[in-house]
């Protein structure tokens, strides 16, 4: 069978064994490949004898990292576990962060989406055992927390590409692999159990997952001889039940209509200087429309501040449960036939109990107070505020269920000693469902006992300590009774998504003997991706003490009092946000301004208890509303791709220097069909000849689409300058496709209700468009060069430079579409996001090094280091759709409207200028320890719900540590910790100093034992 390792291939072509020799030969081939590619052992000649030095643990993993890089034709960084379950990380995301130029986006304290060389996840592609993998987010990234690291044997990042690789990653391709049982070559039963302890979890009373979590993995690998055939089996199962506590400071995000640039100009009686109480955005927002006379924005020169709908805190208790099963069967019935079947299934349930203290009217102006208290930075960040505002204690229960199923069948057949053909079928499907109960309680002029309270107490806050801290006049946020206004319950079915990918590929590998070409490869691939999002649905009911009906008001007041009494709970967490605050979060002031108390908690309620009591009172149900296909909220996208490639490997010499590599071309043709549903109308003509629209009560199915064909050539060259010094170069063209969620075809229009319409084209007043089925991919020409020095098995030094020339940016355009109404084609204009033809550049370099000090005397010989650094600059510009420079054009490219922005554009989504990973390890005897530091600088991270607004994630440096000790040959103890020093995640909205959200997770600690037999 085909083997990419030269030594293994030589054995395969020269050794012919009868009967059961085939299985033994397979084990020999695997053993040679393992020695060559992983270097688990090496021999040293001493005094005429060979002394075997067995390398394991961290040192062996770093040796595998060096060998993966050295033996690849393309520029690749990766790592391979020396044994199943030995991946040196608690998740795939955290393992990938150890690879040069890779950085993660953190959610719930763990690494999820991965950026390569500072380029966002949507610019990367991910394969699982060589096949595409789906997710439930509506984008192209993969949620790596879905896959157990213990059941993955190898990860690699292809930073340059060849024609045989699946297209889709301008930044690179992330490849995950599980073990092939025959190549593994030995029987193994392994049990890995970890207990999870999070210090912040210990601060929560009666947490959802208890004070200690669990993560257990069982794996089994074996090989069997069945007559002349060989059969290998690999099975793995993981049960994970851990906690993920999170403390947050929050503010309204720019993803919806809740964060406005309000004017702060004393010469303008609007915005923060309005003369009556009300929201500053009511007639007082900064107008970015270009003035045709001045060429500047209408409000050019006027100061402004970004005012959110609300600010507050969130206390969050999270349970994260995952069940995962991996299985693989490898069958070799003959010397020439290799059959591999693998299956991965994962179900993850993330449940949260949230308690929010919400200051609800942060846009509200109290004349004479707010205008004097507001302090604004030069970029519009509000750092101090005062005014009268309602205060809410809100509670939520949230649950996300995500199921992943992937499987594939690969059959390879050796037609001759030099020709191998293979076929591969794969299927991947992710379903995600998110549901929640939401309870809102609010301040009122009377508390639940009928005593006088304050609906909108005077509140002041500042950010002197780095986060918002509040002073509240004559209002105690810890008193349940003061939250007595309308009790509102929302039951949301927020997400029901299915993402399915089916693919088939056929390949041929012809190994030839010539002075230049060593092999020719070619193949075709067909894939179909289907993305279905059913939208959202909500049931809502309430009890209002301000009910104007005298017959029911007393009952409503009594009902609120009963809920308040029965469902009040103690604040669940001690030391809330203690690592991020200086002083107390809320200071209570008396009417004379004196301090009468302070707190780091607030009155909280049992969400389910309150929702059930209110539902019973209103005669409502707590069942989640159903989501159905065929409604106006549906996003239904089918993307069909056909690709073909041809590639040649070559070996030659130039000026007595061995040169090798490959060159080829891949042709990709993609078609998109997007289905939408919209209200059907009849056109009614009156007796006087005027027209109007009447809904028929039915939804009609409509569709639109787009297509593109791209040619992706590639060349990879390696010059072996010496036995240990290698020069690499690569040129290739790559593409990244728009996210499936952005390819939707949801359209909603408002009818023109004027009574004198006689032209059908005037029946539509306005159109809201969501999604662009004809959005084109972002492409780039990529140039890479690297020089690498491999001093020995433990030492390498590499330096690389790269340049990417992008074609394609994002802009808001005004387009015209035809809508068929009652059989009549009606045209209407609306705005949507499209890919343009603009070009931009990204240039960077990366440095990586590894070294083990085995030559030092005594205990010092166990010391080793590994580090990598990536730096890049880019002139890519991503304009905010609210407050950026926006030019709207018609279909012919004519400018119809311009806006002069007040916020600087973002860069490539996910782009960090600097990414660093450093590791110091010490391994002596049975003790193996590592200390790791990971850093990435600030980056722009689009929202999933609205990817056109600017949100920056601040720079972050995270420490991790691992310690393991082998008790016996088969039993090992381990201690692992991430986020050792409780580094929070900070997010900034619109501008880089407007802190909108801070998430504090605390350290995560795992104590484990592993036994293998």
Foldseek 3Di string as FASTA:
>chain_A
DDDPDPVLLVLLVPDDDPWQVLLVNLLVSLVVCCCQQQVQWDWDDDPNDTDIDGHAAPLSFLLNQVRVCVSDLFRKGKTFHPDQQRQPDQWPQVSQLQTFQKDADDDLRDGFWIDGLQFGQLQEFEAEQQHGADEFLLGRTGGRRQDGPSQWGMKMWGQADAQVHDFAHPRTYIYIYGDDQSSVPAWKWKKWKWKWAFVQLVQFPPFPQPRIWIKIKIKIWDWDDDTRKIKIKIKMKMKTKDKRWWKKKFFAFPQDPFKFWFFLACVDCAQQNPPAKDFRPPPGGFAQFQDPVPRGGPNPPTHTAIFGQKTWIKTKIKIKIKIKMKMKMWMGNDSFKIKIKIKIKMKMKMKMKMKIKMFGGRRIHDHPAFSVFWDADPLRFTFKGKDWTKIKIKIKIKMKMKIKIKMKMKMWGDPDSFKIKMKMKMKIKMKMWMKMKMKIFIFDQAFLVRHGADRTWMKIWGCPLNGTAIETERDAQADLRRRQFKIKMKIKRAWTKMKMKIKMKMKMWGADDDQWFGIKMKMKMKMKIKIKILGMDMDMDIQGCPDPDPVCNVVSSVLSSVQSVPWKDHFGGPCRCVVRDDDARYFYAYPVGHTDDGHNGGIHTDRVSSVVSVCVVVVHDSDHDDGDPQDLRMKIKMKIKMKMKMKTWTWHDDPNWIKIHMWMKMKMKMKMKIKGKDFAWAWDADPVQATATDTPPHIDIDMDAAMDMDMKIKIKMWTCPDVFKIKIKMKIKGKHAGRSQQAHWRKDFDFDPDGHHNDPQNGTDAMDTGHHRHAGIKMWIKIKIKMKGDPDSFKMKMKMKMKIKIFKDKAKAKEKDWDQHNNDTHIDIDIDMHIDGDIKMKIKMKIKIKHAQLVDDDQNNQKIKIKMKMFMDMPAFQAAPPAGWHFYYYPVRHTDTTGHGSFGTFHNASRFRMWMKMKMWGDDDQKIKIKMKIKTAKGWHADSSRRRFTKIKGIWMKIKMKMKGDPDPFKMKMKIKIRAPFIWIWMAGRYPVNTRMIMTRGMMMMIMMMGMD
